[in-house]
Amino acid sequence: GAVSVGRSDRLVSAVQAQVWGLGRVAALEVPERWGGLVDLPEVWDERVMGRLAGVLAGGFAGEDQVAVRASGVFGRRLVRAAAGDSGSWVPSGTVLVTGGTGALGGRVAR
């Protein structure tokens, strides 16, 4: 429950999410000692156990960060935003803006 794979998949623990983030940093800082991250759901069933066994057996070669769910195994992906999407983001709740101390950063934050 450290990462979410969709709208209906809730995060279980902020602490687990922090550990996942620490693992991602470790992957960048010491890649020669990196093993990978596997996130598991809060509730286990036979499908989750079978998929976890497949991940551990090397069935997802090239993937070092996966979330195993009853509905499948999910890897992280970045996708290019479509043209014109730059103005469509409307934040809700609290938003953290880093590097917003310069003239341009302050303007973007507003």
C-alpha atoms as a PDB file:
ATOM      1  CA  GLY A   1       0.000   0.000   0.000  1.00  0.00           C
ATOM      2  CA  ALA A   2       2.914   2.416  -0.512  1.00  0.00           C
ATOM      3  CA  VAL A   3       1.906   3.434  -4.034  1.00  0.00           C
ATOM      4  CA  SER A   4      -1.369   3.782  -5.881  1.00  0.00           C
ATOM      5  CA  VAL A   5      -1.995   2.256  -9.292  1.00  0.00           C
ATOM      6  CA  GLY A   6      -5.314   3.977  -9.912  1.00  0.00           C
ATOM      7  CA  ARG A   7      -8.146   5.990  -8.459  1.00  0.00           C
ATOM      8  CA  SER A   8      -9.696   3.059  -6.594  1.00  0.00           C
ATOM      9  CA  ASP A   9      -6.341   1.930  -5.142  1.00  0.00           C
ATOM     10  CA  ARG A  10      -5.834   3.870  -1.934  1.00  0.00           C
ATOM     11  CA  LEU A  11      -2.560   4.494  -0.159  1.00  0.00           C
ATOM     12  CA  VAL A  12      -2.451   2.608   3.137  1.00  0.00           C
ATOM     13  CA  SER A  13       0.412   4.266   4.999  1.00  0.00           C
ATOM     14  CA  ALA A  14       2.427   7.439   4.612  1.00  0.00           C
ATOM     15  CA  VAL A  15       5.347   5.658   6.273  1.00  0.00           C
ATOM     16  CA  GLN A  16       5.303   2.933   3.622  1.00  0.00           C
ATOM     17  CA  ALA A  17       5.240   5.603   0.910  1.00  0.00           C
ATOM     18  CA  GLN A  18       8.285   7.228   2.515  1.00  0.00           C
ATOM     19  CA  VAL A  19      10.148   3.912   2.531  1.00  0.00           C
ATOM     20  CA  TRP A  20       9.243   3.463  -1.160  1.00  0.00           C
ATOM     21  CA  GLY A  21      10.668   6.934  -1.846  1.00  0.00           C
ATOM     22  CA  LEU A  22      13.848   6.050   0.055  1.00  0.00           C
ATOM     23  CA  GLY A  23      14.165   2.915  -2.069  1.00  0.00           C
ATOM     24  CA  ARG A  24      13.862   5.001  -5.250  1.00  0.00           C
ATOM     25  CA  VAL A  25      16.662   7.264  -4.014  1.00  0.00           C
ATOM     26  CA  ALA A  26      18.805   4.226  -3.182  1.00  0.00           C
ATOM     27  CA  ALA A  27      18.268   2.978  -6.750  1.00  0.00           C
ATOM     28  CA  LEU A  28      19.729   6.219  -8.087  1.00  0.00           C
ATOM     29  CA  GLU A  29      22.527   6.601  -5.547  1.00  0.00           C
ATOM     30  CA  VAL A  30      23.859   3.026  -5.442  1.00  0.00           C
ATOM     31  CA  PRO A  31      22.624   1.221  -8.560  1.00  0.00           C
ATOM     32  CA  GLU A  32      25.281  -1.483  -8.226  1.00  0.00           C
ATOM     33  CA  ARG A  33      23.650  -2.653  -4.967  1.00  0.00           C
ATOM     34  CA  TRP A  34      20.069  -2.164  -6.056  1.00  0.00           C
ATOM     35  CA  GLY A  35      17.593  -5.041  -5.928  1.00  0.00           C
ATOM     36  CA  GLY A  36      14.208  -3.444  -6.495  1.00  0.00           C
ATOM     37  CA  LEU A  37      10.890  -2.528  -4.899  1.00  0.00           C
ATOM     38  CA  VAL A  38       7.701  -4.565  -4.805  1.00  0.00           C
ATOM     39  CA  ASP A  39       4.544  -3.010  -3.380  1.00  0.00           C
ATOM     40  CA  LEU A  40       1.816  -5.358  -2.161  1.00  0.00           C
ATOM     41  CA  PRO A  41      -1.856  -4.667  -1.474  1.00  0.00           C
ATOM     42  CA  GLU A  42      -3.365  -4.509   1.972  1.00  0.00           C
ATOM     43  CA  VAL A  43      -5.428  -7.652   1.314  1.00  0.00           C
ATOM     44  CA  TRP A  44      -3.761 -10.770  -0.102  1.00  0.00           C
ATOM     45  CA  ASP A  45      -5.416 -13.449  -2.193  1.00  0.00           C
ATOM     46  CA  GLU A  46      -4.280 -16.317  -4.414  1.00  0.00           C
ATOM     47  CA  ARG A  47      -3.895 -14.073  -7.466  1.00  0.00           C
ATOM     48  CA  VAL A  48      -1.625 -11.656  -5.585  1.00  0.00           C
ATOM     49  CA  MET A  49       0.540 -14.511  -4.292  1.00  0.00           C
ATOM     50  CA  GLY A  50       0.829 -16.017  -7.780  1.00  0.00           C
ATOM     51  CA  ARG A  51       1.775 -12.672  -9.302  1.00  0.00           C
ATOM     52  CA  LEU A  52       4.330 -12.012  -6.557  1.00  0.00           C
ATOM     53  CA  ALA A  53       5.901 -15.415  -7.228  1.00  0.00           C
ATOM     54  CA  GLY A  54       6.111 -14.499 -10.914  1.00  0.00           C
ATOM     55  CA  VAL A  55       7.831 -11.197 -10.127  1.00  0.00           C
ATOM     56  CA  LEU A  56      10.337 -12.871  -7.797  1.00  0.00           C
ATOM     57  CA  ALA A  57      11.024 -15.598 -10.380  1.00  0.00           C
ATOM     58  CA  GLY A  58      12.118 -12.942 -12.858  1.00  0.00           C
ATOM     59  CA  GLY A  59       8.944 -12.827 -14.900  1.00  0.00           C
ATOM     60  CA  PHE A  60       9.190  -9.055 -15.187  1.00  0.00           C
ATOM     61  CA  ALA A  61      12.797  -8.664 -16.299  1.00  0.00           C
ATOM     62  CA  GLY A  62      13.847  -5.060 -16.629  1.00  0.00           C
ATOM     63  CA  GLU A  63      11.311  -3.850 -14.074  1.00  0.00           C
ATOM     64  CA  ASP A  64      12.832  -2.884 -10.738  1.00  0.00           C
ATOM     65  CA  GLN A  65       9.818  -1.109  -9.221  1.00  0.00           C
ATOM     66  CA  VAL A  66       6.454  -2.857  -9.430  1.00  0.00           C
ATOM     67  CA  ALA A  67       3.125  -2.857  -7.626  1.00  0.00           C
ATOM     68  CA  VAL A  68       1.447  -6.249  -7.393  1.00  0.00           C
ATOM     69  CA  ARG A  69      -2.330  -6.181  -7.251  1.00  0.00           C
ATOM     70  CA  ALA A  70      -5.056  -8.798  -7.752  1.00  0.00           C
ATOM     71  CA  SER A  71      -5.792  -7.126 -11.094  1.00  0.00           C
ATOM     72  CA  GLY A  72      -2.194  -7.348 -12.358  1.00  0.00           C
ATOM     73  CA  VAL A  73       1.410  -6.240 -11.963  1.00  0.00           C
ATOM     74  CA  PHE A  74       2.058  -2.555 -12.605  1.00  0.00           C
ATOM     75  CA  GLY A  75       5.320  -0.810 -13.482  1.00  0.00           C
ATOM     76  CA  ARG A  76       6.060   2.902 -13.322  1.00  0.00           C
ATOM     77  CA  ARG A  77       5.661   4.797 -16.578  1.00  0.00           C
ATOM     78  CA  LEU A  78       6.024   8.374 -17.725  1.00  0.00           C
ATOM     79  CA  VAL A  79       3.970   9.526 -20.665  1.00  0.00           C
ATOM     80  CA  ARG A  80       4.305  12.672 -22.704  1.00  0.00           C
ATOM     81  CA  ALA A  81       1.545  15.192 -22.083  1.00  0.00           C
ATOM     82  CA  ALA A  82      -0.592  16.082 -25.052  1.00  0.00           C
ATOM     83  CA  ALA A  83      -0.098  19.522 -26.560  1.00  0.00           C
ATOM     84  CA  GLY A  84      -2.207  22.127 -24.856  1.00  0.00           C
ATOM     85  CA  ASP A  85      -2.471  20.287 -21.530  1.00  0.00           C
ATOM     86  CA  SER A  86      -0.145  22.715 -19.747  1.00  0.00           C
ATOM     87  CA  GLY A  87      -2.986  24.908 -18.461  1.00  0.00           C
ATOM     88  CA  SER A  88      -5.446  22.184 -17.500  1.00  0.00           C
ATOM     89  CA  TRP A  89      -4.019  21.233 -14.089  1.00  0.00           C
ATOM     90  CA  VAL A  90      -6.100  22.572 -11.203  1.00  0.00           C
ATOM     91  CA  PRO A  91      -4.566  21.688  -7.824  1.00  0.00           C
ATOM     92  CA  SER A  92      -6.698  20.698  -4.867  1.00  0.00           C
ATOM     93  CA  GLY A  93      -5.623  20.523  -1.254  1.00  0.00           C
ATOM     94  CA  THR A  94      -2.102  21.430  -0.225  1.00  0.00           C
ATOM     95  CA  VAL A  95       0.542  21.924  -2.903  1.00  0.00           C
ATOM     96  CA  LEU A  96       4.277  22.111  -2.195  1.00  0.00           C
ATOM     97  CA  VAL A  97       6.238  24.398  -4.495  1.00  0.00           C
ATOM     98  CA  THR A  98      10.003  23.957  -4.330  1.00  0.00           C
ATOM     99  CA  GLY A  99      12.521  26.355  -5.813  1.00  0.00           C
ATOM    100  CA  GLY A 100       9.936  29.139  -5.823  1.00  0.00           C
ATOM    101  CA  THR A 101      12.199  31.809  -4.352  1.00  0.00           C
ATOM    102  CA  GLY A 102      13.220  33.522  -7.586  1.00  0.00           C
ATOM    103  CA  ALA A 103      11.191  35.901  -9.695  1.00  0.00           C
ATOM    104  CA  LEU A 104      10.004  33.208 -12.092  1.00  0.00           C
ATOM    105  CA  GLY A 105       9.373  30.633  -9.335  1.00  0.00           C
ATOM    106  CA  GLY A 106       7.194  33.027  -7.352  1.00  0.00           C
ATOM    107  CA  ARG A 107       5.172  33.843 -10.458  1.00  0.00           C
ATOM    108  CA  VAL A 108       4.628  30.165 -11.273  1.00  0.00           C
ATOM    109  CA  ALA A 109       3.617  29.456  -7.667  1.00  0.00           C
ATOM    110  CA  ARG A 110       0.947  32.182  -7.774  1.00  0.00           C
END
